[in-house]
């Protein structure tokens, strides 16, 4: 996640947090493709998606340029990012 860090040792910036959440979301999505009835994991996935959406909305409100760059780098759809 060092490529998303704004400085050395950065673990709390919205970019790093969104990148980590995106990785966990993709891992859980793959898990749910094979374990369709794992509803506990599905709920966890929905919570992670909501958390990522809130972080992206915060970033879009604070610095739209950083938001657009992050969405581009992660390949997140604008609708999924929560900003218009």
Foldseek 3Di string as FASTA:
>chain_A
DVVQAPDPPDCPQLLNLLVVLLVVLVVLVVVCVVVVPPVVSVVVSVVSLVVQLVSLVVCCVVPVVSSVVSCVVSVPDPVSNNHD
